[in-house]
Amino acid sequence: MDDLKKMATGLAVALAIQTIGGLVWAGGAAARIATLEDRVDEQRLVAERLARLEEQGVATRAALNRIEVRLEGAR
């Protein structure tokens, strides 16, 4: 009977340790996921700004081409 109590206690301790380890791992995974989500949000904002800058560059190039055409026509 004494051996049965030791086995039950050992099993309970092992289960408790595994549960704690699983919770620690899950907490670390959640923190990593939150960090990645923050980075994706930041990159989304940067991508939107970059798209606006590209469109401004296209518009600037078109305006420059119109100016060049007018200057060449004035000669």
N, C-alpha and C. Protein backbone atom coordinates (compact mmCIF):
# COMPACT_ATOMS: atom_id res chain seq x y z
N MET A 1 0.82 -1.19 0.00
CA MET A 1 0.00 0.00 0.00
C MET A 1 0.86 1.25 0.00
N ASP A 2 2.00 1.17 0.66
CA ASP A 2 2.92 2.30 0.73
C ASP A 2 3.46 2.64 -0.66
N ASP A 3 3.74 1.60 -1.46
CA ASP A 3 4.24 1.82 -2.81
C ASP A 3 3.18 2.49 -3.68
N LEU A 4 1.94 2.13 -3.47
CA LEU A 4 0.84 2.71 -4.25
C LEU A 4 0.71 4.21 -3.96
N LYS A 5 0.88 4.60 -2.70
CA LYS A 5 0.83 6.02 -2.34
C LYS A 5 1.98 6.78 -2.96
N LYS A 6 3.17 6.17 -2.98
CA LYS A 6 4.34 6.82 -3.58
C LYS A 6 4.13 7.00 -5.08
N MET A 7 3.56 5.97 -5.73
CA MET A 7 3.31 6.08 -7.16
C MET A 7 2.27 7.15 -7.46
N ALA A 8 1.23 7.22 -6.65
CA ALA A 8 0.19 8.23 -6.85
C ALA A 8 0.76 9.62 -6.63
N THR A 9 1.58 9.77 -5.59
CA THR A 9 2.20 11.06 -5.32
C THR A 9 3.15 11.45 -6.45
N GLY A 10 3.95 10.50 -6.90
CA GLY A 10 4.89 10.76 -8.01
C GLY A 10 4.15 11.14 -9.28
N LEU A 11 3.05 10.45 -9.55
CA LEU A 11 2.24 10.76 -10.72
C LEU A 11 1.65 12.15 -10.61
N ALA A 12 1.15 12.51 -9.44
CA ALA A 12 0.57 13.83 -9.23
C ALA A 12 1.62 14.92 -9.40
N VAL A 13 2.82 14.69 -8.86
CA VAL A 13 3.90 15.68 -8.99
C VAL A 13 4.31 15.82 -10.45
N ALA A 14 4.46 14.69 -11.16
CA ALA A 14 4.84 14.74 -12.57
C ALA A 14 3.79 15.47 -13.40
N LEU A 15 2.53 15.21 -13.12
CA LEU A 15 1.44 15.87 -13.83
C LEU A 15 1.44 17.37 -13.55
N ALA A 16 1.68 17.74 -12.29
CA ALA A 16 1.73 19.16 -11.93
C ALA A 16 2.89 19.85 -12.64
N ILE A 17 4.06 19.21 -12.70
CA ILE A 17 5.22 19.80 -13.36
C ILE A 17 4.96 19.97 -14.85
N GLN A 18 4.37 18.96 -15.48
CA GLN A 18 4.06 19.05 -16.91
C GLN A 18 3.02 20.14 -17.18
N THR A 19 2.05 20.26 -16.31
CA THR A 19 1.03 21.30 -16.48
C THR A 19 1.66 22.69 -16.37
N ILE A 20 2.52 22.87 -15.37
CA ILE A 20 3.20 24.16 -15.21
C ILE A 20 4.07 24.45 -16.42
N GLY A 21 4.80 23.46 -16.89
CA GLY A 21 5.64 23.64 -18.08
C GLY A 21 4.82 24.00 -19.30
N GLY A 22 3.68 23.37 -19.47
CA GLY A 22 2.80 23.68 -20.59
C GLY A 22 2.26 25.09 -20.51
N LEU A 23 1.91 25.53 -19.32
CA LEU A 23 1.40 26.90 -19.16
C LEU A 23 2.49 27.93 -19.43
N VAL A 24 3.71 27.66 -18.98
CA VAL A 24 4.83 28.57 -19.24
C VAL A 24 5.08 28.64 -20.75
N TRP A 25 5.07 27.49 -21.42
CA TRP A 25 5.30 27.46 -22.86
C TRP A 25 4.19 28.22 -23.58
N ALA A 26 2.95 28.02 -23.19
CA ALA A 26 1.83 28.70 -23.83
C ALA A 26 1.92 30.21 -23.61
N GLY A 27 2.34 30.63 -22.44
CA GLY A 27 2.50 32.06 -22.18
C GLY A 27 3.59 32.66 -23.05
N GLY A 28 4.68 31.95 -23.22
CA GLY A 28 5.76 32.42 -24.09
C GLY A 28 5.31 32.49 -25.54
N ALA A 29 4.55 31.50 -25.98
CA ALA A 29 4.04 31.50 -27.36
C ALA A 29 3.08 32.67 -27.57
N ALA A 30 2.24 32.94 -26.59
CA ALA A 30 1.31 34.06 -26.70
C ALA A 30 2.05 35.38 -26.80
N ALA A 31 3.12 35.53 -26.04
CA ALA A 31 3.92 36.76 -26.09
C ALA A 31 4.58 36.91 -27.46
N ARG A 32 5.10 35.81 -28.01
CA ARG A 32 5.72 35.88 -29.33
C ARG A 32 4.69 36.23 -30.40
N ILE A 33 3.51 35.67 -30.30
CA ILE A 33 2.45 35.96 -31.27
C ILE A 33 2.05 37.43 -31.18
N ALA A 34 1.93 37.96 -29.97
CA ALA A 34 1.57 39.37 -29.80
C ALA A 34 2.63 40.27 -30.42
N THR A 35 3.90 39.93 -30.22
CA THR A 35 4.99 40.72 -30.81
C THR A 35 4.91 40.69 -32.33
N LEU A 36 4.66 39.52 -32.90
CA LEU A 36 4.55 39.41 -34.35
C LEU A 36 3.36 40.19 -34.89
N GLU A 37 2.25 40.17 -34.17
CA GLU A 37 1.08 40.95 -34.60
C GLU A 37 1.38 42.44 -34.59
N ASP A 38 2.11 42.92 -33.59
CA ASP A 38 2.50 44.33 -33.54
C ASP A 38 3.39 44.68 -34.73
N ARG A 39 4.32 43.81 -35.05
CA ARG A 39 5.20 44.07 -36.20
C ARG A 39 4.42 44.11 -37.50
N VAL A 40 3.45 43.23 -37.66
CA VAL A 40 2.64 43.22 -38.88
C VAL A 40 1.85 44.52 -38.98
N ASP A 41 1.30 44.99 -37.87
CA ASP A 41 0.56 46.26 -37.88
C ASP A 41 1.46 47.41 -38.29
N GLU A 42 2.69 47.45 -37.76
CA GLU A 42 3.64 48.50 -38.12
C GLU A 42 3.99 48.42 -39.60
N GLN A 43 4.20 47.22 -40.11
CA GLN A 43 4.55 47.05 -41.51
C GLN A 43 3.40 47.45 -42.43
N ARG A 44 2.18 47.23 -41.97
CA ARG A 44 1.02 47.63 -42.77
C ARG A 44 1.02 49.14 -42.95
N LEU A 45 1.30 49.88 -41.87
CA LEU A 45 1.36 51.34 -41.95
C LEU A 45 2.48 51.79 -42.88
N VAL A 46 3.62 51.15 -42.78
CA VAL A 46 4.75 51.50 -43.65
C VAL A 46 4.41 51.21 -45.11
N ALA A 47 3.74 50.11 -45.36
CA ALA A 47 3.36 49.75 -46.73
C ALA A 47 2.39 50.79 -47.30
N GLU A 48 1.46 51.26 -46.49
CA GLU A 48 0.52 52.29 -46.96
C GLU A 48 1.25 53.58 -47.28
N ARG A 49 2.19 53.97 -46.44
CA ARG A 49 2.97 55.19 -46.69
C ARG A 49 3.80 55.04 -47.96
N LEU A 50 4.39 53.88 -48.14
CA LEU A 50 5.20 53.63 -49.32
C LEU A 50 4.35 53.70 -50.58
N ALA A 51 3.15 53.16 -50.54
CA ALA A 51 2.26 53.22 -51.70
C ALA A 51 1.90 54.67 -52.03
N ARG A 52 1.65 55.48 -51.01
CA ARG A 52 1.35 56.90 -51.26
C ARG A 52 2.55 57.61 -51.86
N LEU A 53 3.75 57.32 -51.35
CA LEU A 53 4.95 57.94 -51.88
C LEU A 53 5.19 57.53 -53.34
N GLU A 54 4.93 56.28 -53.66
CA GLU A 54 5.09 55.83 -55.04
C GLU A 54 4.12 56.57 -55.96
N GLU A 55 2.89 56.75 -55.53
CA GLU A 55 1.91 57.47 -56.34
C GLU A 55 2.32 58.94 -56.49
N GLN A 56 2.85 59.53 -55.44
CA GLN A 56 3.32 60.91 -55.54
C GLN A 56 4.49 61.00 -56.51
N GLY A 57 5.35 60.01 -56.51
CA GLY A 57 6.48 59.99 -57.45
C GLY A 57 5.99 59.89 -58.87
N VAL A 58 4.96 59.08 -59.12
CA VAL A 58 4.40 58.95 -60.47
C VAL A 58 3.79 60.29 -60.90
N ALA A 59 3.06 60.93 -60.00
CA ALA A 59 2.45 62.22 -60.32
C ALA A 59 3.52 63.28 -60.57
N THR A 60 4.58 63.25 -59.79
CA THR A 60 5.67 64.22 -59.98
C THR A 60 6.36 64.01 -61.32
N ARG A 61 6.58 62.73 -61.68
CA ARG A 61 7.20 62.42 -62.97
C ARG A 61 6.32 62.90 -64.12
N ALA A 62 5.00 62.71 -64.01
CA ALA A 62 4.08 63.17 -65.05
C ALA A 62 4.11 64.69 -65.16
N ALA A 63 4.14 65.39 -64.04
CA ALA A 63 4.20 66.85 -64.07
C ALA A 63 5.51 67.32 -64.69
N LEU A 64 6.59 66.67 -64.36
CA LEU A 64 7.90 67.02 -64.93
C LEU A 64 7.90 66.80 -66.44
N ASN A 65 7.30 65.72 -66.89
CA ASN A 65 7.21 65.47 -68.33
C ASN A 65 6.40 66.55 -69.03
N ARG A 66 5.29 66.97 -68.42
CA ARG A 66 4.49 68.06 -69.02
C ARG A 66 5.29 69.35 -69.09
N ILE A 67 6.05 69.66 -68.04
CA ILE A 67 6.87 70.88 -68.04
C ILE A 67 7.93 70.80 -69.13
N GLU A 68 8.57 69.65 -69.27
CA GLU A 68 9.60 69.49 -70.30
C GLU A 68 9.02 69.66 -71.70
N VAL A 69 7.82 69.10 -71.91
CA VAL A 69 7.19 69.23 -73.22
C VAL A 69 6.88 70.69 -73.51
N ARG A 70 6.39 71.41 -72.53
CA ARG A 70 6.08 72.84 -72.73
C ARG A 70 7.34 73.65 -73.00
N LEU A 71 8.41 73.34 -72.24
CA LEU A 71 9.66 74.08 -72.45
C LEU A 71 10.25 73.80 -73.83
N GLU A 72 10.17 72.56 -74.28
CA GLU A 72 10.69 72.23 -75.60
C GLU A 72 9.84 72.86 -76.71
N GLY A 73 8.56 72.98 -76.46
CA GLY A 73 7.65 73.60 -77.46
C GLY A 73 7.85 75.10 -77.53
N ALA A 74 8.30 75.73 -76.45
CA ALA A 74 8.50 77.18 -76.41
C ALA A 74 9.75 77.60 -77.17
N ARG A 75 10.62 76.70 -77.51
CA ARG A 75 11.87 77.06 -78.19
C ARG A 75 11.66 77.33 -79.63
